Each structure stands twice: as structure tokens, then as C-alpha cells.
Amino acid sequence: MLRKVLGGRKRGAAAREIQAADVERALTRLCVEPVGAKWAALVATDGMVQAVFPSQAAVQRDRIAAMSAAMSSLGDRISCELSTGALDFTLIAGADGMTLAFALDAEYLLALGLPRTHSLDATFEGVRVSA
């Protein structure tokens, strides 16, 4: 759904405005089963947050945006250096949770905050269907 919302946009000033209601609906869907994310965010690769669900996420919107863009940038560089092809996603896992960032296109990322015990298989399937 997010790719449909983002689809058809042209880069730069002629970009089609992102429909906030469609983005919020897609992010909401990612925060319920089967994905079950604690939070979901649509982030521009330059670090600007476009939307976050829930709006009062446990982590600050700006921090989500900045760290997601940094994850993507580092992942892209590593992918390039190791010749593994275009970046699909990056994953950071800590003792208390995981952050997963998917490259939707050249300009946007989908970032998810996940519980540490969450199934990555369920997450990938849910994102494939929803994004």
C-alpha cells in the first residue's frame, strides 16, 4: 500500500503530494497483526519524517527519522562495498528490541520498531503485503 501511495511521484518539485490518510492507514496496518510493530514510520532518505504511527510513539519522531536514515545510508554503503546489490533492508537488533528499515524507493524508507522476540518471517510477509 505504501508503494502505491508513493508510486507515480516524480522526483523534485513536481512530486505528487503524499496523501496523509493513506500513509497513516498503511502504518496503522503494520502496527497490528501479523507485523505487530511497536511503531512504524515513513521516512525520507534525507532524514525527514513523513508520518509515524502511533503519533505518540515511545521514541521521538525526529530520532526515528534520523536513525532510520543513518541505518539506510550505512546499509547502502556496505551493500555497495560488498557488491551485494541494491539495498532492500537494514536490521539493528538489541537486547530489548529491533529496528528494521526497508528501502521503498530511492527517496523513502519504511522503519519499524519491533519487540525482540518478534518473528522476522511474519514481519517480512506482513511488510510484503502492506508495503
N, C-alpha and C. Protein backbone atom coordinates (compact mmCIF):
# COMPACT_ATOMS: atom_id res chain seq x y z
N MET A 1 0.81 -1.19 0.00
CA MET A 1 0.00 0.00 0.00
C MET A 1 0.86 1.26 0.00
N LEU A 2 1.95 1.25 0.77
CA LEU A 2 2.82 2.43 0.79
C LEU A 2 3.44 2.69 -0.58
N ARG A 3 3.82 1.62 -1.26
CA ARG A 3 4.39 1.82 -2.60
C ARG A 3 3.36 2.42 -3.55
N LYS A 4 2.08 2.04 -3.40
CA LYS A 4 1.02 2.64 -4.23
C LYS A 4 0.88 4.12 -3.92
N VAL A 5 0.93 4.46 -2.63
CA VAL A 5 0.82 5.87 -2.23
C VAL A 5 1.99 6.67 -2.80
N LEU A 6 3.18 6.06 -2.77
CA LEU A 6 4.38 6.74 -3.26
C LEU A 6 4.52 6.64 -4.77
N GLY A 7 3.88 5.65 -5.38
CA GLY A 7 4.01 5.42 -6.81
C GLY A 7 3.51 6.59 -7.63
N GLY A 8 4.11 6.77 -8.78
CA GLY A 8 3.70 7.82 -9.68
C GLY A 8 4.28 9.18 -9.36
N ARG A 9 5.03 9.27 -8.25
CA ARG A 9 5.65 10.55 -7.92
C ARG A 9 6.86 10.77 -8.80
N LYS A 10 7.10 11.99 -9.10
CA LYS A 10 8.32 12.38 -9.80
C LYS A 10 9.24 13.01 -8.77
N ARG A 11 10.52 12.84 -8.94
CA ARG A 11 11.49 13.42 -8.01
C ARG A 11 11.50 14.93 -8.14
N GLY A 12 11.69 15.61 -7.02
CA GLY A 12 11.85 17.06 -7.04
C GLY A 12 10.56 17.82 -6.86
N ALA A 13 10.55 19.05 -7.36
CA ALA A 13 9.44 19.98 -7.12
C ALA A 13 8.12 19.49 -7.70
N ALA A 14 8.16 18.68 -8.73
CA ALA A 14 6.92 18.21 -9.36
C ALA A 14 6.33 17.00 -8.65
N ALA A 15 6.88 16.65 -7.49
CA ALA A 15 6.42 15.46 -6.77
C ALA A 15 4.96 15.57 -6.39
N ARG A 16 4.24 14.44 -6.55
CA ARG A 16 2.85 14.38 -6.12
C ARG A 16 2.82 14.37 -4.60
N GLU A 17 1.91 15.13 -4.04
CA GLU A 17 1.80 15.22 -2.58
C GLU A 17 1.38 13.86 -2.03
N ILE A 18 2.04 13.44 -0.97
CA ILE A 18 1.71 12.18 -0.33
C ILE A 18 0.40 12.36 0.44
N GLN A 19 -0.52 11.46 0.25
CA GLN A 19 -1.81 11.52 0.92
C GLN A 19 -1.67 11.01 2.35
N ALA A 20 -1.79 11.93 3.32
CA ALA A 20 -1.56 11.62 4.73
C ALA A 20 -2.47 10.50 5.23
N ALA A 21 -3.73 10.51 4.86
CA ALA A 21 -4.66 9.49 5.34
C ALA A 21 -4.26 8.10 4.85
N ASP A 22 -3.81 7.99 3.61
CA ASP A 22 -3.39 6.70 3.06
C ASP A 22 -2.14 6.19 3.77
N VAL A 23 -1.21 7.09 4.03
CA VAL A 23 0.02 6.71 4.73
C VAL A 23 -0.31 6.26 6.15
N GLU A 24 -1.14 7.01 6.85
CA GLU A 24 -1.49 6.64 8.22
C GLU A 24 -2.19 5.29 8.27
N ARG A 25 -3.07 5.04 7.32
CA ARG A 25 -3.78 3.75 7.26
C ARG A 25 -2.77 2.61 7.06
N ALA A 26 -1.80 2.80 6.17
CA ALA A 26 -0.80 1.76 5.92
C ALA A 26 0.08 1.54 7.15
N LEU A 27 0.50 2.61 7.81
CA LEU A 27 1.33 2.47 9.01
C LEU A 27 0.56 1.81 10.14
N THR A 28 -0.71 2.15 10.28
CA THR A 28 -1.56 1.54 11.31
C THR A 28 -1.65 0.03 11.08
N ARG A 29 -1.82 -0.37 9.83
CA ARG A 29 -1.92 -1.79 9.49
C ARG A 29 -0.65 -2.54 9.89
N LEU A 30 0.50 -1.88 9.78
CA LEU A 30 1.76 -2.53 10.14
C LEU A 30 1.94 -2.68 11.65
N CYS A 31 1.20 -1.90 12.42
CA CYS A 31 1.33 -1.97 13.88
C CYS A 31 0.35 -2.94 14.51
N VAL A 32 -0.47 -3.59 13.71
CA VAL A 32 -1.35 -4.63 14.20
C VAL A 32 -0.90 -5.94 13.57
N GLU A 33 -1.47 -7.04 14.01
CA GLU A 33 -1.06 -8.35 13.47
C GLU A 33 -1.21 -8.37 11.96
N PRO A 34 -0.39 -9.09 11.23
CA PRO A 34 0.64 -10.00 11.69
C PRO A 34 1.98 -9.35 12.01
N VAL A 35 2.21 -8.11 11.58
CA VAL A 35 3.52 -7.50 11.81
C VAL A 35 3.70 -7.17 13.28
N GLY A 36 2.75 -6.51 13.92
CA GLY A 36 2.82 -6.24 15.34
C GLY A 36 3.94 -5.31 15.75
N ALA A 37 4.26 -4.32 14.92
CA ALA A 37 5.32 -3.36 15.25
C ALA A 37 4.88 -2.47 16.41
N LYS A 38 5.85 -2.04 17.23
CA LYS A 38 5.57 -1.07 18.30
C LYS A 38 5.29 0.30 17.70
N TRP A 39 5.99 0.61 16.63
CA TRP A 39 5.79 1.84 15.88
C TRP A 39 6.21 1.61 14.44
N ALA A 40 5.68 2.43 13.57
CA ALA A 40 6.03 2.38 12.15
C ALA A 40 6.17 3.82 11.67
N ALA A 41 7.12 4.05 10.77
CA ALA A 41 7.36 5.40 10.27
C ALA A 41 7.70 5.38 8.79
N LEU A 42 7.20 6.37 8.09
CA LEU A 42 7.61 6.63 6.72
C LEU A 42 8.60 7.78 6.80
N VAL A 43 9.82 7.53 6.34
CA VAL A 43 10.92 8.48 6.50
C VAL A 43 11.57 8.73 5.14
N ALA A 44 11.83 9.99 4.83
CA ALA A 44 12.59 10.33 3.63
C ALA A 44 14.05 9.97 3.87
N THR A 45 14.76 9.59 2.83
CA THR A 45 16.15 9.19 2.99
C THR A 45 17.04 10.33 3.47
N ASP A 46 16.55 11.56 3.38
CA ASP A 46 17.32 12.69 3.91
C ASP A 46 17.08 12.90 5.40
N GLY A 47 16.27 12.02 6.03
CA GLY A 47 16.06 12.08 7.47
C GLY A 47 14.82 12.83 7.90
N MET A 48 13.99 13.28 6.97
CA MET A 48 12.76 13.98 7.33
C MET A 48 11.64 12.97 7.51
N VAL A 49 10.98 13.03 8.66
CA VAL A 49 9.88 12.11 8.94
C VAL A 49 8.64 12.59 8.19
N GLN A 50 7.97 11.66 7.54
CA GLN A 50 6.75 11.97 6.80
C GLN A 50 5.52 11.62 7.63
N ALA A 51 5.59 10.49 8.35
CA ALA A 51 4.48 10.05 9.19
C ALA A 51 4.98 9.00 10.17
N VAL A 52 4.37 8.98 11.35
CA VAL A 52 4.69 7.98 12.38
C VAL A 52 3.38 7.50 12.98
N PHE A 53 3.29 6.20 13.23
CA PHE A 53 2.15 5.64 13.95
C PHE A 53 2.69 4.75 15.06
N PRO A 54 2.21 4.84 16.28
CA PRO A 54 1.25 5.84 16.73
C PRO A 54 1.91 7.21 16.80
N SER A 55 1.09 8.23 16.76
CA SER A 55 1.63 9.59 16.71
C SER A 55 2.45 9.92 17.94
N GLN A 56 2.17 9.29 19.05
CA GLN A 56 2.95 9.47 20.28
C GLN A 56 3.78 8.22 20.53
N ALA A 57 4.62 7.86 19.58
CA ALA A 57 5.46 6.67 19.71
C ALA A 57 6.40 6.82 20.91
N ALA A 58 6.82 5.69 21.47
CA ALA A 58 7.70 5.69 22.64
C ALA A 58 9.03 6.38 22.33
N VAL A 59 9.44 6.35 21.09
CA VAL A 59 10.67 7.01 20.66
C VAL A 59 10.28 8.28 19.91
N GLN A 60 11.04 9.34 20.07
CA GLN A 60 10.73 10.61 19.42
C GLN A 60 10.78 10.49 17.90
N ARG A 61 9.85 11.18 17.25
CA ARG A 61 9.75 11.17 15.78
C ARG A 61 11.07 11.54 15.11
N ASP A 62 11.70 12.60 15.58
CA ASP A 62 12.95 13.05 14.97
C ASP A 62 14.06 12.02 15.13
N ARG A 63 14.09 11.35 16.26
CA ARG A 63 15.11 10.32 16.49
C ARG A 63 14.87 9.13 15.57
N ILE A 64 13.60 8.73 15.42
CA ILE A 64 13.25 7.65 14.50
C ILE A 64 13.72 8.00 13.09
N ALA A 65 13.41 9.20 12.65
CA ALA A 65 13.77 9.63 11.29
C ALA A 65 15.28 9.66 11.09
N ALA A 66 15.99 10.27 12.01
CA ALA A 66 17.44 10.40 11.87
C ALA A 66 18.13 9.04 11.88
N MET A 67 17.75 8.18 12.81
CA MET A 67 18.40 6.88 12.92
C MET A 67 18.04 5.98 11.74
N SER A 68 16.81 6.07 11.26
CA SER A 68 16.40 5.27 10.09
C SER A 68 17.19 5.69 8.86
N ALA A 69 17.34 6.98 8.65
CA ALA A 69 18.13 7.47 7.51
C ALA A 69 19.60 7.06 7.66
N ALA A 70 20.12 7.12 8.87
CA ALA A 70 21.51 6.70 9.10
C ALA A 70 21.69 5.21 8.84
N MET A 71 20.73 4.40 9.32
CA MET A 71 20.78 2.95 9.06
C MET A 71 20.80 2.67 7.57
N SER A 72 19.93 3.35 6.85
CA SER A 72 19.83 3.14 5.41
C SER A 72 21.10 3.56 4.70
N SER A 73 21.64 4.69 5.08
CA SER A 73 22.86 5.19 4.46
C SER A 73 24.02 4.22 4.68
N LEU A 74 24.18 3.77 5.91
CA LEU A 74 25.25 2.83 6.22
C LEU A 74 25.02 1.50 5.50
N GLY A 75 23.78 1.01 5.53
CA GLY A 75 23.46 -0.24 4.84
C GLY A 75 23.72 -0.15 3.35
N ASP A 76 23.36 0.98 2.76
CA ASP A 76 23.59 1.20 1.33
C ASP A 76 25.09 1.18 1.01
N ARG A 77 25.87 1.83 1.86
CA ARG A 77 27.33 1.86 1.66
C ARG A 77 27.93 0.47 1.77
N ILE A 78 27.50 -0.28 2.79
CA ILE A 78 28.01 -1.64 2.98
C ILE A 78 27.61 -2.52 1.81
N SER A 79 26.36 -2.41 1.38
CA SER A 79 25.87 -3.20 0.26
C SER A 79 26.69 -2.91 -1.01
N CYS A 80 26.99 -1.65 -1.22
CA CYS A 80 27.79 -1.25 -2.37
C CYS A 80 29.23 -1.79 -2.27
N GLU A 81 29.85 -1.60 -1.12
CA GLU A 81 31.23 -2.03 -0.92
C GLU A 81 31.40 -3.54 -1.04
N LEU A 82 30.38 -4.29 -0.61
CA LEU A 82 30.46 -5.75 -0.65
C LEU A 82 29.80 -6.34 -1.89
N SER A 83 29.35 -5.46 -2.79
CA SER A 83 28.74 -5.88 -4.06
C SER A 83 27.58 -6.85 -3.86
N THR A 84 26.67 -6.50 -2.96
CA THR A 84 25.52 -7.36 -2.71
C THR A 84 24.25 -6.86 -3.40
N GLY A 85 24.37 -5.82 -4.21
CA GLY A 85 23.23 -5.31 -4.95
C GLY A 85 22.54 -4.16 -4.22
N ALA A 86 21.42 -3.75 -4.78
CA ALA A 86 20.66 -2.63 -4.21
C ALA A 86 20.15 -3.00 -2.82
N LEU A 87 20.14 -2.04 -1.93
CA LEU A 87 19.70 -2.26 -0.56
C LEU A 87 18.21 -2.54 -0.50
N ASP A 88 17.84 -3.62 0.18
CA ASP A 88 16.44 -3.95 0.43
C ASP A 88 16.03 -3.50 1.83
N PHE A 89 16.84 -3.86 2.83
CA PHE A 89 16.52 -3.52 4.21
C PHE A 89 17.77 -3.53 5.07
N THR A 90 17.66 -2.89 6.24
CA THR A 90 18.70 -2.97 7.27
C THR A 90 18.02 -3.37 8.57
N LEU A 91 18.75 -4.08 9.40
CA LEU A 91 18.21 -4.57 10.67
C LEU A 91 19.23 -4.30 11.76
N ILE A 92 18.78 -3.68 12.84
CA ILE A 92 19.59 -3.48 14.03
C ILE A 92 18.84 -4.17 15.17
N ALA A 93 19.50 -5.09 15.85
CA ALA A 93 18.85 -5.81 16.95
C ALA A 93 19.62 -5.56 18.23
N GLY A 94 18.88 -5.21 19.27
CA GLY A 94 19.46 -5.00 20.59
C GLY A 94 18.81 -5.94 21.59
N ALA A 95 19.19 -5.83 22.83
CA ALA A 95 18.66 -6.71 23.87
C ALA A 95 17.16 -6.52 24.09
N ASP A 96 16.66 -5.31 23.83
CA ASP A 96 15.26 -5.02 24.13
C ASP A 96 14.36 -4.87 22.91
N GLY A 97 14.91 -4.91 21.71
CA GLY A 97 14.07 -4.77 20.53
C GLY A 97 14.88 -4.68 19.26
N MET A 98 14.17 -4.52 18.16
CA MET A 98 14.80 -4.44 16.84
C MET A 98 14.26 -3.24 16.08
N THR A 99 15.10 -2.69 15.23
CA THR A 99 14.67 -1.65 14.30
C THR A 99 14.97 -2.16 12.90
N LEU A 100 13.95 -2.15 12.07
CA LEU A 100 14.05 -2.67 10.72
C LEU A 100 13.66 -1.56 9.76
N ALA A 101 14.52 -1.26 8.80
CA ALA A 101 14.23 -0.21 7.82
C ALA A 101 14.26 -0.80 6.42
N PHE A 102 13.15 -0.66 5.71
CA PHE A 102 13.02 -1.14 4.33
C PHE A 102 13.16 0.02 3.37
N ALA A 103 13.92 -0.16 2.30
CA ALA A 103 14.00 0.84 1.24
C ALA A 103 12.77 0.66 0.35
N LEU A 104 11.87 1.66 0.34
CA LEU A 104 10.68 1.58 -0.50
C LEU A 104 10.99 2.03 -1.92
N ASP A 105 11.78 3.07 -2.02
CA ASP A 105 12.26 3.58 -3.31
C ASP A 105 13.49 4.42 -3.02
N ALA A 106 13.96 5.18 -3.99
CA ALA A 106 15.19 5.96 -3.80
C ALA A 106 15.03 7.08 -2.77
N GLU A 107 13.80 7.46 -2.46
CA GLU A 107 13.57 8.60 -1.56
C GLU A 107 12.96 8.26 -0.22
N TYR A 108 12.35 7.09 -0.07
CA TYR A 108 11.61 6.80 1.16
C TYR A 108 11.97 5.45 1.77
N LEU A 109 11.89 5.42 3.11
CA LEU A 109 12.13 4.22 3.90
C LEU A 109 10.90 3.93 4.74
N LEU A 110 10.68 2.68 5.01
CA LEU A 110 9.70 2.26 5.99
C LEU A 110 10.49 1.74 7.17
N ALA A 111 10.33 2.37 8.34
CA ALA A 111 11.05 1.95 9.54
C ALA A 111 10.05 1.35 10.52
N LEU A 112 10.45 0.25 11.15
CA LEU A 112 9.59 -0.44 12.11
C LEU A 112 10.35 -0.68 13.41
N GLY A 113 9.70 -0.43 14.54
CA GLY A 113 10.23 -0.80 15.84
C GLY A 113 9.55 -2.08 16.27
N LEU A 114 10.32 -3.12 16.50
CA LEU A 114 9.76 -4.45 16.77
C LEU A 114 10.21 -4.98 18.14
N PRO A 115 9.36 -5.78 18.78
CA PRO A 115 9.80 -6.46 20.00
C PRO A 115 10.93 -7.44 19.67
N ARG A 116 11.83 -7.65 20.58
CA ARG A 116 12.99 -8.52 20.36
C ARG A 116 12.59 -9.95 20.00
N THR A 117 11.50 -10.42 20.53
CA THR A 117 11.08 -11.81 20.32
C THR A 117 10.19 -11.99 19.09
N HIS A 118 9.97 -10.94 18.35
CA HIS A 118 9.07 -11.00 17.21
C HIS A 118 9.67 -11.81 16.06
N SER A 119 8.82 -12.53 15.35
CA SER A 119 9.24 -13.34 14.22
C SER A 119 9.56 -12.46 13.01
N LEU A 120 10.76 -12.55 12.51
CA LEU A 120 11.12 -11.78 11.32
C LEU A 120 10.40 -12.30 10.09
N ASP A 121 10.12 -13.60 10.04
CA ASP A 121 9.37 -14.15 8.92
C ASP A 121 7.99 -13.49 8.82
N ALA A 122 7.31 -13.37 9.95
CA ALA A 122 5.99 -12.74 9.97
C ALA A 122 6.10 -11.27 9.56
N THR A 123 7.16 -10.61 10.01
CA THR A 123 7.36 -9.20 9.67
C THR A 123 7.57 -9.03 8.17
N PHE A 124 8.45 -9.82 7.60
CA PHE A 124 8.72 -9.70 6.16
C PHE A 124 7.48 -9.98 5.34
N GLU A 125 6.71 -10.98 5.71
CA GLU A 125 5.48 -11.29 4.99
C GLU A 125 4.47 -10.15 5.14
N GLY A 126 4.30 -9.65 6.35
CA GLY A 126 3.38 -8.55 6.57
C GLY A 126 3.76 -7.29 5.81
N VAL A 127 5.05 -6.98 5.78
CA VAL A 127 5.52 -5.80 5.04
C VAL A 127 5.34 -6.02 3.55
N ARG A 128 5.63 -7.22 3.08
CA ARG A 128 5.46 -7.50 1.65
C ARG A 128 4.02 -7.24 1.22
N VAL A 129 3.08 -7.66 2.05
CA VAL A 129 1.66 -7.46 1.73
C VAL A 129 1.25 -6.00 1.89
N SER A 130 1.71 -5.35 2.96
CA SER A 130 1.27 -3.99 3.28
C SER A 130 2.02 -2.89 2.53
N ALA A 131 3.28 -3.10 2.30
CA ALA A 131 4.08 -2.04 1.67
C ALA A 131 3.97 -2.14 0.18
